[in-house]
Amino acid sequence: SRDYRYNLARVLIAQNRLSEAIPNLEELSKVPDPTMLATLASVYARVGRVADAIEVAKHARDLAAQQGDRELAGRLERMIAGLERDGSGSVHP
């Protein structure tokens, strides 16, 4: 189920097992959920997949804005700026 995959991904992230979390997050990101996409973007950034992180973060930002979640959209905008500036950026949805 989605909840199981999400919870598993969160546990793997907490254990710094990021490469194991990514497939679960990628599967979950097939449903347009800005929080899920923000989590995936953050993990991509942490493993050095900066281009992927920027692409996913932009998509998450746009979805968050469309859904009226200005706070998440703002955090994602800051993450994108950091990634584009120096390859660093994090957002914790």
PDB file of N, CA and C in Angstrom:
ATOM      1  N   SER A   1       0.839  -1.189   0.000  1.00  0.00           N
ATOM      2  CA  SER A   1       0.000   0.000   0.000  1.00  0.00           C
ATOM      3  C   SER A   1       0.882   1.250   0.000  1.00  0.00           C
ATOM      4  N   ARG A   2       0.272   2.363  -0.326  1.00  0.00           N
ATOM      5  CA  ARG A   2       1.014   3.628  -0.351  1.00  0.00           C
ATOM      6  C   ARG A   2       1.554   3.978   1.030  1.00  0.00           C
ATOM      7  N   ASP A   3       0.733   3.785   2.049  1.00  0.00           N
ATOM      8  CA  ASP A   3       1.183   4.119   3.405  1.00  0.00           C
ATOM      9  C   ASP A   3       2.388   3.280   3.805  1.00  0.00           C
ATOM     10  N   TYR A   4       2.340   1.995   3.483  1.00  0.00           N
ATOM     11  CA  TYR A   4       3.461   1.111   3.818  1.00  0.00           C
ATOM     12  C   TYR A   4       4.731   1.584   3.113  1.00  0.00           C
ATOM     13  N   ARG A   5       4.634   1.843   1.805  1.00  0.00           N
ATOM     14  CA  ARG A   5       5.806   2.291   1.042  1.00  0.00           C
ATOM     15  C   ARG A   5       6.364   3.604   1.596  1.00  0.00           C
ATOM     16  N   TYR A   6       5.455   4.528   1.932  1.00  0.00           N
ATOM     17  CA  TYR A   6       5.896   5.819   2.446  1.00  0.00           C
ATOM     18  C   TYR A   6       6.587   5.633   3.800  1.00  0.00           C
ATOM     19  N   ASN A   7       5.976   4.863   4.672  1.00  0.00           N
ATOM     20  CA  ASN A   7       6.579   4.635   5.990  1.00  0.00           C
ATOM     21  C   ASN A   7       7.919   3.919   5.870  1.00  0.00           C
ATOM     22  N   LEU A   8       8.001   2.942   4.977  1.00  0.00           N
ATOM     23  CA  LEU A   8       9.264   2.242   4.743  1.00  0.00           C
ATOM     24  C   LEU A   8      10.325   3.225   4.256  1.00  0.00           C
ATOM     25  N   ALA A   9       9.955   4.073   3.309  1.00  0.00           N
ATOM     26  CA  ALA A   9      10.905   5.062   2.787  1.00  0.00           C
ATOM     27  C   ALA A   9      11.384   5.987   3.894  1.00  0.00           C
ATOM     28  N   ARG A  10      10.485   6.443   4.752  1.00  0.00           N
ATOM     29  CA  ARG A  10      10.865   7.335   5.847  1.00  0.00           C
ATOM     30  C   ARG A  10      11.837   6.649   6.811  1.00  0.00           C
ATOM     31  N   VAL A  11      11.591   5.366   7.103  1.00  0.00           N
ATOM     32  CA  VAL A  11      12.498   4.617   7.984  1.00  0.00           C
ATOM     33  C   VAL A  11      13.871   4.499   7.331  1.00  0.00           C
ATOM     34  N   LEU A  12      13.887   4.153   6.042  1.00  0.00           N
ATOM     35  CA  LEU A  12      15.165   4.021   5.335  1.00  0.00           C
ATOM     36  C   LEU A  12      15.920   5.346   5.300  1.00  0.00           C
ATOM     37  N   ILE A  13      15.203   6.447   5.123  1.00  0.00           N
ATOM     38  CA  ILE A  13      15.833   7.766   5.122  1.00  0.00           C
ATOM     39  C   ILE A  13      16.428   8.044   6.499  1.00  0.00           C
ATOM     40  N   ALA A  14      15.666   7.756   7.539  1.00  0.00           N
ATOM     41  CA  ALA A  14      16.143   7.989   8.901  1.00  0.00           C
ATOM     42  C   ALA A  14      17.394   7.174   9.208  1.00  0.00           C
ATOM     43  N   GLN A  15      17.497   6.001   8.582  1.00  0.00           N
ATOM     44  CA  GLN A  15      18.664   5.138   8.775  1.00  0.00           C
ATOM     45  C   GLN A  15      19.779   5.472   7.783  1.00  0.00           C
ATOM     46  N   ASN A  16      19.601   6.548   7.013  1.00  0.00           N
ATOM     47  CA  ASN A  16      20.560   6.982   6.005  1.00  0.00           C
ATOM     48  C   ASN A  16      20.788   5.916   4.930  1.00  0.00           C
ATOM     49  N   ARG A  17      19.768   5.121   4.667  1.00  0.00           N
ATOM     50  CA  ARG A  17      19.812   4.102   3.606  1.00  0.00           C
ATOM     51  C   ARG A  17      19.080   4.684   2.398  1.00  0.00           C
ATOM     52  N   LEU A  18      19.643   5.769   1.884  1.00  0.00           N
ATOM     53  CA  LEU A  18      18.966   6.574   0.881  1.00  0.00           C
ATOM     54  C   LEU A  18      18.758   5.841  -0.434  1.00  0.00           C
ATOM     55  N   SER A  19      19.767   5.106  -0.893  1.00  0.00           N
ATOM     56  CA  SER A  19      19.622   4.405  -2.174  1.00  0.00           C
ATOM     57  C   SER A  19      18.520   3.355  -2.109  1.00  0.00           C
ATOM     58  N   GLU A  20      18.235   2.848  -0.923  1.00  0.00           N
ATOM     59  CA  GLU A  20      17.139   1.892  -0.765  1.00  0.00           C
ATOM     60  C   GLU A  20      15.784   2.599  -0.702  1.00  0.00           C
ATOM     61  N   ALA A  21      15.778   3.828  -0.230  1.00  0.00           N
ATOM     62  CA  ALA A  21      14.531   4.592  -0.133  1.00  0.00           C
ATOM     63  C   ALA A  21      14.063   5.094  -1.497  1.00  0.00           C
ATOM     64  N   ILE A  22      15.001   5.379  -2.380  1.00  0.00           N
ATOM     65  CA  ILE A  22      14.667   6.009  -3.664  1.00  0.00           C
ATOM     66  C   ILE A  22      13.642   5.221  -4.476  1.00  0.00           C
ATOM     67  N   PRO A  23      13.781   3.895  -4.675  1.00  0.00           N
ATOM     68  CA  PRO A  23      12.770   3.200  -5.484  1.00  0.00           C
ATOM     69  C   PRO A  23      11.355   3.306  -4.904  1.00  0.00           C
ATOM     70  N   ASN A  24      11.239   3.281  -3.587  1.00  0.00           N
ATOM     71  CA  ASN A  24       9.921   3.429  -2.967  1.00  0.00           C
ATOM     72  C   ASN A  24       9.360   4.818  -3.226  1.00  0.00           C
ATOM     73  N   LEU A  25      10.188   5.825  -3.089  1.00  0.00           N
ATOM     74  CA  LEU A  25       9.740   7.193  -3.329  1.00  0.00           C
ATOM     75  C   LEU A  25       9.401   7.422  -4.797  1.00  0.00           C
ATOM     76  N   GLU A  26      10.191   6.844  -5.690  1.00  0.00           N
ATOM     77  CA  GLU A  26       9.899   6.995  -7.123  1.00  0.00           C
ATOM     78  C   GLU A  26       8.555   6.358  -7.463  1.00  0.00           C
ATOM     79  N   GLU A  27       8.277   5.207  -6.900  1.00  0.00           N
ATOM     80  CA  GLU A  27       6.986   4.548  -7.141  1.00  0.00           C
ATOM     81  C   GLU A  27       5.847   5.411  -6.603  1.00  0.00           C
ATOM     82  N   LEU A  28       6.028   5.933  -5.406  1.00  0.00           N
ATOM     83  CA  LEU A  28       4.997   6.771  -4.798  1.00  0.00           C
ATOM     84  C   LEU A  28       4.803   8.078  -5.554  1.00  0.00           C
ATOM     85  N   SER A  29       5.845   8.573  -6.183  1.00  0.00           N
ATOM     86  CA  SER A  29       5.761   9.874  -6.864  1.00  0.00           C
ATOM     87  C   SER A  29       4.967   9.811  -8.154  1.00  0.00           C
ATOM     88  N   LYS A  30       4.544   8.632  -8.554  1.00  0.00           N
ATOM     89  CA  LYS A  30       3.711   8.518  -9.757  1.00  0.00           C
ATOM     90  C   LYS A  30       2.347   9.169  -9.547  1.00  0.00           C
ATOM     91  N   VAL A  31       1.917   9.276  -8.299  1.00  0.00           N
ATOM     92  CA  VAL A  31       0.711  10.021  -7.963  1.00  0.00           C
ATOM     93  C   VAL A  31       1.158  11.432  -7.595  1.00  0.00           C
ATOM     94  N   PRO A  32       0.603  12.454  -8.241  1.00  0.00           N
ATOM     95  CA  PRO A  32       1.099  13.820  -8.031  1.00  0.00           C
ATOM     96  C   PRO A  32       0.811  14.349  -6.621  1.00  0.00           C
ATOM     97  N   ASP A  33       1.794  14.217  -5.753  1.00  0.00           N
ATOM     98  CA  ASP A  33       1.690  14.665  -4.364  1.00  0.00           C
ATOM     99  C   ASP A  33       2.921  15.516  -4.081  1.00  0.00           C
ATOM    100  N   PRO A  34       2.741  16.817  -3.860  1.00  0.00           N
ATOM    101  CA  PRO A  34       3.908  17.685  -3.710  1.00  0.00           C
ATOM    102  C   PRO A  34       4.791  17.324  -2.511  1.00  0.00           C
ATOM    103  N   THR A  35       4.198  16.830  -1.436  1.00  0.00           N
ATOM    104  CA  THR A  35       5.002  16.456  -0.271  1.00  0.00           C
ATOM    105  C   THR A  35       5.873  15.247  -0.590  1.00  0.00           C
ATOM    106  N   MET A  36       5.311  14.282  -1.268  1.00  0.00           N
ATOM    107  CA  MET A  36       6.066  13.092  -1.657  1.00  0.00           C
ATOM    108  C   MET A  36       7.191  13.477  -2.619  1.00  0.00           C
ATOM    109  N   LEU A  37       6.868  14.333  -3.574  1.00  0.00           N
ATOM    110  CA  LEU A  37       7.880  14.775  -4.532  1.00  0.00           C
ATOM    111  C   LEU A  37       8.979  15.580  -3.848  1.00  0.00           C
ATOM    112  N   ALA A  38       8.611  16.381  -2.859  1.00  0.00           N
ATOM    113  CA  ALA A  38       9.613  17.142  -2.110  1.00  0.00           C
ATOM    114  C   ALA A  38      10.564  16.207  -1.375  1.00  0.00           C
ATOM    115  N   THR A  39      10.014  15.139  -0.812  1.00  0.00           N
ATOM    116  CA  THR A  39      10.854  14.157  -0.123  1.00  0.00           C
ATOM    117  C   THR A  39      11.803  13.494  -1.109  1.00  0.00           C
ATOM    118  N   LEU A  40      11.302  13.111  -2.282  1.00  0.00           N
ATOM    119  CA  LEU A  40      12.143  12.493  -3.305  1.00  0.00           C
ATOM    120  C   LEU A  40      13.236  13.467  -3.746  1.00  0.00           C
ATOM    121  N   ALA A  41      12.883  14.715  -3.963  1.00  0.00           N
ATOM    122  CA  ALA A  41      13.876  15.714  -4.376  1.00  0.00           C
ATOM    123  C   ALA A  41      14.967  15.862  -3.322  1.00  0.00           C
ATOM    124  N   SER A  42      14.575  15.881  -2.071  1.00  0.00           N
ATOM    125  CA  SER A  42      15.542  16.014  -0.984  1.00  0.00           C
ATOM    126  C   SER A  42      16.500  14.826  -0.951  1.00  0.00           C
ATOM    127  N   VAL A  43      15.964  13.626  -1.139  1.00  0.00           N
ATOM    128  CA  VAL A  43      16.820  12.431  -1.142  1.00  0.00           C
ATOM    129  C   VAL A  43      17.737  12.447  -2.357  1.00  0.00           C
ATOM    130  N   TYR A  44      17.211  12.816  -3.513  1.00  0.00           N
ATOM    131  CA  TYR A  44      18.066  12.936  -4.699  1.00  0.00           C
ATOM    132  C   TYR A  44      19.237  13.885  -4.409  1.00  0.00           C
ATOM    133  N   ALA A  45      18.942  15.025  -3.792  1.00  0.00           N
ATOM    134  CA  ALA A  45      20.003  15.992  -3.488  1.00  0.00           C
ATOM    135  C   ALA A  45      21.036  15.380  -2.550  1.00  0.00           C
ATOM    136  N   ARG A  46      20.570  14.638  -1.561  1.00  0.00           N
ATOM    137  CA  ARG A  46      21.487  14.053  -0.576  1.00  0.00           C
ATOM    138  C   ARG A  46      22.404  13.001  -1.181  1.00  0.00           C
ATOM    139  N   VAL A  47      21.963  12.334  -2.268  1.00  0.00           N
ATOM    140  CA  VAL A  47      22.831  11.326  -2.897  1.00  0.00           C
ATOM    141  C   VAL A  47      23.596  11.907  -4.086  1.00  0.00           C
ATOM    142  N   GLY A  48      23.495  13.215  -4.307  1.00  0.00           N
ATOM    143  CA  GLY A  48      24.269  13.859  -5.355  1.00  0.00           C
ATOM    144  C   GLY A  48      23.604  13.898  -6.718  1.00  0.00           C
ATOM    145  N   ARG A  49      22.343  13.543  -6.793  1.00  0.00           N
ATOM    146  CA  ARG A  49      21.608  13.592  -8.064  1.00  0.00           C
ATOM    147  C   ARG A  49      20.947  14.964  -8.182  1.00  0.00           C
ATOM    148  N   VAL A  50      21.786  15.972  -8.325  1.00  0.00           N
ATOM    149  CA  VAL A  50      21.333  17.355  -8.250  1.00  0.00           C
ATOM    150  C   VAL A  50      20.366  17.701  -9.379  1.00  0.00           C
ATOM    151  N   ALA A  51      20.673  17.304 -10.605  1.00  0.00           N
ATOM    152  CA  ALA A  51      19.776  17.623 -11.729  1.00  0.00           C
ATOM    153  C   ALA A  51      18.398  17.006 -11.506  1.00  0.00           C
ATOM    154  N   ASP A  52      18.373  15.752 -11.036  1.00  0.00           N
ATOM    155  CA  ASP A  52      17.089  15.104 -10.743  1.00  0.00           C
ATOM    156  C   ASP A  52      16.374  15.818  -9.609  1.00  0.00           C
ATOM    157  N   ALA A  53      17.126  16.226  -8.594  1.00  0.00           N
ATOM    158  CA  ALA A  53      16.541  16.929  -7.452  1.00  0.00           C
ATOM    159  C   ALA A  53      15.885  18.228  -7.908  1.00  0.00           C
ATOM    160  N   ILE A  54      16.553  18.979  -8.757  1.00  0.00           N
ATOM    161  CA  ILE A  54      16.006  20.250  -9.241  1.00  0.00           C
ATOM    162  C   ILE A  54      14.733  20.010 -10.046  1.00  0.00           C
ATOM    163  N   GLU A  55      14.775  19.045 -10.945  1.00  0.00           N
ATOM    164  CA  GLU A  55      13.612  18.747 -11.789  1.00  0.00           C
ATOM    165  C   GLU A  55      12.400  18.357 -10.939  1.00  0.00           C
ATOM    166  N   VAL A  56      12.605  17.454  -9.999  1.00  0.00           N
ATOM    167  CA  VAL A  56      11.504  16.989  -9.153  1.00  0.00           C
ATOM    168  C   VAL A  56      11.029  18.110  -8.226  1.00  0.00           C
ATOM    169  N   ALA A  57      11.953  18.893  -7.684  1.00  0.00           N
ATOM    170  CA  ALA A  57      11.575  19.995  -6.793  1.00  0.00           C
ATOM    171  C   ALA A  57      10.742  21.041  -7.530  1.00  0.00           C
ATOM    172  N   LYS A  58      11.074  21.317  -8.774  1.00  0.00           N
ATOM    173  CA  LYS A  58      10.285  22.278  -9.557  1.00  0.00           C
ATOM    174  C   LYS A  58       8.868  21.762  -9.783  1.00  0.00           C
ATOM    175  N   HIS A  59       8.765  20.482 -10.084  1.00  0.00           N
ATOM    176  CA  HIS A  59       7.440  19.879 -10.268  1.00  0.00           C
ATOM    177  C   HIS A  59       6.653  19.942  -8.961  1.00  0.00           C
ATOM    178  N   ALA A  60       7.295  19.603  -7.850  1.00  0.00           N
ATOM    179  CA  ALA A  60       6.641  19.643  -6.536  1.00  0.00           C
ATOM    180  C   ALA A  60       6.207  21.070  -6.201  1.00  0.00           C
ATOM    181  N   ARG A  61       7.084  22.051  -6.479  1.00  0.00           N
ATOM    182  CA  ARG A  61       6.760  23.449  -6.215  1.00  0.00           C
ATOM    183  C   ARG A  61       5.522  23.884  -6.986  1.00  0.00           C
ATOM    184  N   ASP A  62       5.476  23.512  -8.264  1.00  0.00           N
ATOM    185  CA  ASP A  62       4.339  23.892  -9.097  1.00  0.00           C
ATOM    186  C   ASP A  62       3.047  23.251  -8.586  1.00  0.00           C
ATOM    187  N   LEU A  63       3.117  21.980  -8.208  1.00  0.00           N
ATOM    188  CA  LEU A  63       1.938  21.300  -7.660  1.00  0.00           C
ATOM    189  C   LEU A  63       1.499  21.933  -6.346  1.00  0.00           C
ATOM    190  N   ALA A  64       2.467  22.228  -5.484  1.00  0.00           N
ATOM    191  CA  ALA A  64       2.136  22.849  -4.195  1.00  0.00           C
ATOM    192  C   ALA A  64       1.446  24.194  -4.428  1.00  0.00           C
ATOM    193  N   ALA A  65       1.957  24.973  -5.362  1.00  0.00           N
ATOM    194  CA  ALA A  65       1.359  26.273  -5.664  1.00  0.00           C
ATOM    195  C   ALA A  65      -0.062  26.097  -6.209  1.00  0.00           C
ATOM    196  N   GLN A  66      -0.244  25.139  -7.108  1.00  0.00           N
ATOM    197  CA  GLN A  66      -1.571  24.874  -7.667  1.00  0.00           C
ATOM    198  C   GLN A  66      -2.566  24.476  -6.582  1.00  0.00           C
ATOM    199  N   GLN A  67      -2.071  23.773  -5.560  1.00  0.00           N
ATOM    200  CA  GLN A  67      -2.938  23.312  -4.480  1.00  0.00           C
ATOM    201  C   GLN A  67      -3.067  24.332  -3.354  1.00  0.00           C
ATOM    202  N   GLY A  68      -2.428  25.479  -3.515  1.00  0.00           N
ATOM    203  CA  GLY A  68      -2.539  26.543  -2.531  1.00  0.00           C
ATOM    204  C   GLY A  68      -1.649  26.379  -1.314  1.00  0.00           C
ATOM    205  N   ASP A  69      -0.669  25.471  -1.381  1.00  0.00           N
ATOM    206  CA  ASP A  69       0.252  25.265  -0.258  1.00  0.00           C
ATOM    207  C   ASP A  69       1.449  26.191  -0.441  1.00  0.00           C
ATOM    208  N   ARG A  70       1.262  27.444  -0.063  1.00  0.00           N
ATOM    209  CA  ARG A  70       2.292  28.455  -0.276  1.00  0.00           C
ATOM    210  C   ARG A  70       3.532  28.187   0.571  1.00  0.00           C
ATOM    211  N   GLU A  71       3.345  27.618   1.762  1.00  0.00           N
ATOM    212  CA  GLU A  71       4.488  27.337   2.631  1.00  0.00           C
ATOM    213  C   GLU A  71       5.418  26.311   1.991  1.00  0.00           C
ATOM    214  N   LEU A  72       4.859  25.199   1.517  1.00  0.00           N
ATOM    215  CA  LEU A  72       5.681  24.172   0.870  1.00  0.00           C
ATOM    216  C   LEU A  72       6.287  24.713  -0.423  1.00  0.00           C
ATOM    217  N   ALA A  73       5.510  25.445  -1.192  1.00  0.00           N
ATOM    218  CA  ALA A  73       6.036  26.026  -2.436  1.00  0.00           C
ATOM    219  C   ALA A  73       7.230  26.928  -2.138  1.00  0.00           C
ATOM    220  N   GLY A  74       7.145  27.705  -1.069  1.00  0.00           N
ATOM    221  CA  GLY A  74       8.251  28.582  -0.689  1.00  0.00           C
ATOM    222  C   GLY A  74       9.485  27.810  -0.262  1.00  0.00           C
ATOM    223  N   ARG A  75       9.284  26.749   0.532  1.00  0.00           N
ATOM    224  CA  ARG A  75      10.425  25.921   0.951  1.00  0.00           C
ATOM    225  C   ARG A  75      11.080  25.271  -0.261  1.00  0.00           C
ATOM    226  N   LEU A  76      10.268  24.829  -1.208  1.00  0.00           N
ATOM    227  CA  LEU A  76      10.816  24.213  -2.414  1.00  0.00           C
ATOM    228  C   LEU A  76      11.564  25.229  -3.259  1.00  0.00           C
ATOM    229  N   GLU A  77      11.052  26.441  -3.335  1.00  0.00           N
ATOM    230  CA  GLU A  77      11.741  27.501  -4.093  1.00  0.00           C
ATOM    231  C   GLU A  77      13.123  27.751  -3.496  1.00  0.00           C
ATOM    232  N   ARG A  78      13.210  27.778  -2.162  1.00  0.00           N
ATOM    233  CA  ARG A  78      14.513  27.968  -1.510  1.00  0.00           C
ATOM    234  C   ARG A  78      15.432  26.778  -1.776  1.00  0.00           C
ATOM    235  N   MET A  79      14.872  25.584  -1.778  1.00  0.00           N
ATOM    236  CA  MET A  79      15.669  24.388  -2.064  1.00  0.00           C
ATOM    237  C   MET A  79      16.233  24.468  -3.486  1.00  0.00           C
ATOM    238  N   ILE A  80      15.381  24.810  -4.429  1.00  0.00           N
ATOM    239  CA  ILE A  80      15.803  24.915  -5.832  1.00  0.00           C
ATOM    240  C   ILE A  80      16.915  25.955  -5.971  1.00  0.00           C
ATOM    241  N   ALA A  81      16.759  27.085  -5.324  1.00  0.00           N
ATOM    242  CA  ALA A  81      17.782  28.141  -5.394  1.00  0.00           C
ATOM    243  C   ALA A  81      19.111  27.627  -4.857  1.00  0.00           C
ATOM    244  N   GLY A  82      19.081  26.922  -3.742  1.00  0.00           N
ATOM    245  CA  GLY A  82      20.314  26.372  -3.178  1.00  0.00           C
ATOM    246  C   GLY A  82      20.955  25.348  -4.085  1.00  0.00           C
ATOM    247  N   LEU A  83      20.136  24.501  -4.681  1.00  0.00           N
ATOM    248  CA  LEU A  83      20.664  23.485  -5.591  1.00  0.00           C
ATOM    249  C   LEU A  83      21.267  24.118  -6.836  1.00  0.00           C
ATOM    250  N   GLU A  84      20.584  25.108  -7.376  1.00  0.00           N
ATOM    251  CA  GLU A  84      21.100  25.759  -8.582  1.00  0.00           C
ATOM    252  C   GLU A  84      22.336  26.592  -8.282  1.00  0.00           C
ATOM    253  N   ARG A  85      22.435  27.123  -7.075  1.00  0.00           N
ATOM    254  CA  ARG A  85      23.574  27.952  -6.704  1.00  0.00           C
ATOM    255  C   ARG A  85      24.820  27.111  -6.446  1.00  0.00           C
ATOM    256  N   ASP A  86      24.675  26.118  -5.588  1.00  0.00           N
ATOM    257  CA  ASP A  86      25.893  25.395  -5.187  1.00  0.00           C
ATOM    258  C   ASP A  86      25.685  23.888  -4.999  1.00  0.00           C
ATOM    259  N   GLY A  87      24.577  23.372  -5.501  1.00  0.00           N
ATOM    260  CA  GLY A  87      24.355  21.934  -5.408  1.00  0.00           C
ATOM    261  C   GLY A  87      23.872  21.463  -4.057  1.00  0.00           C
ATOM    262  N   SER A  88      23.533  22.400  -3.183  1.00  0.00           N
ATOM    263  CA  SER A  88      23.010  21.994  -1.882  1.00  0.00           C
ATOM    264  C   SER A  88      21.591  22.525  -1.739  1.00  0.00           C
ATOM    265  N   GLY A  89      20.846  21.805  -1.000  1.00  0.00           N
ATOM    266  CA  GLY A  89      19.465  22.226  -0.760  1.00  0.00           C
ATOM    267  C   GLY A  89      18.758  21.123  -0.025  1.00  0.00           C
ATOM    268  N   SER A  90      17.928  21.499   0.893  1.00  0.00           N
ATOM    269  CA  SER A  90      17.148  20.480   1.586  1.00  0.00           C
ATOM    270  C   SER A  90      15.801  21.071   1.935  1.00  0.00           C
ATOM    271  N   VAL A  91      14.829  20.217   1.959  1.00  0.00           N
ATOM    272  CA  VAL A  91      13.493  20.601   2.369  1.00  0.00           C
ATOM    273  C   VAL A  91      12.947  19.442   3.150  1.00  0.00           C
ATOM    274  N   HIS A  92      12.291  19.742   4.218  1.00  0.00           N
ATOM    275  CA  HIS A  92      11.714  18.679   5.036  1.00  0.00           C
ATOM    276  C   HIS A  92      10.219  18.904   5.078  1.00  0.00           C
ATOM    277  N   PRO A  93       9.492  18.184   4.219  1.00  0.00           N
ATOM    278  CA  PRO A  93       8.043  18.391   4.125  1.00  0.00           C
ATOM    279  C   PRO A  93       7.298  18.102   5.398  1.00  0.00           C
TER     280      PRO A  93
END
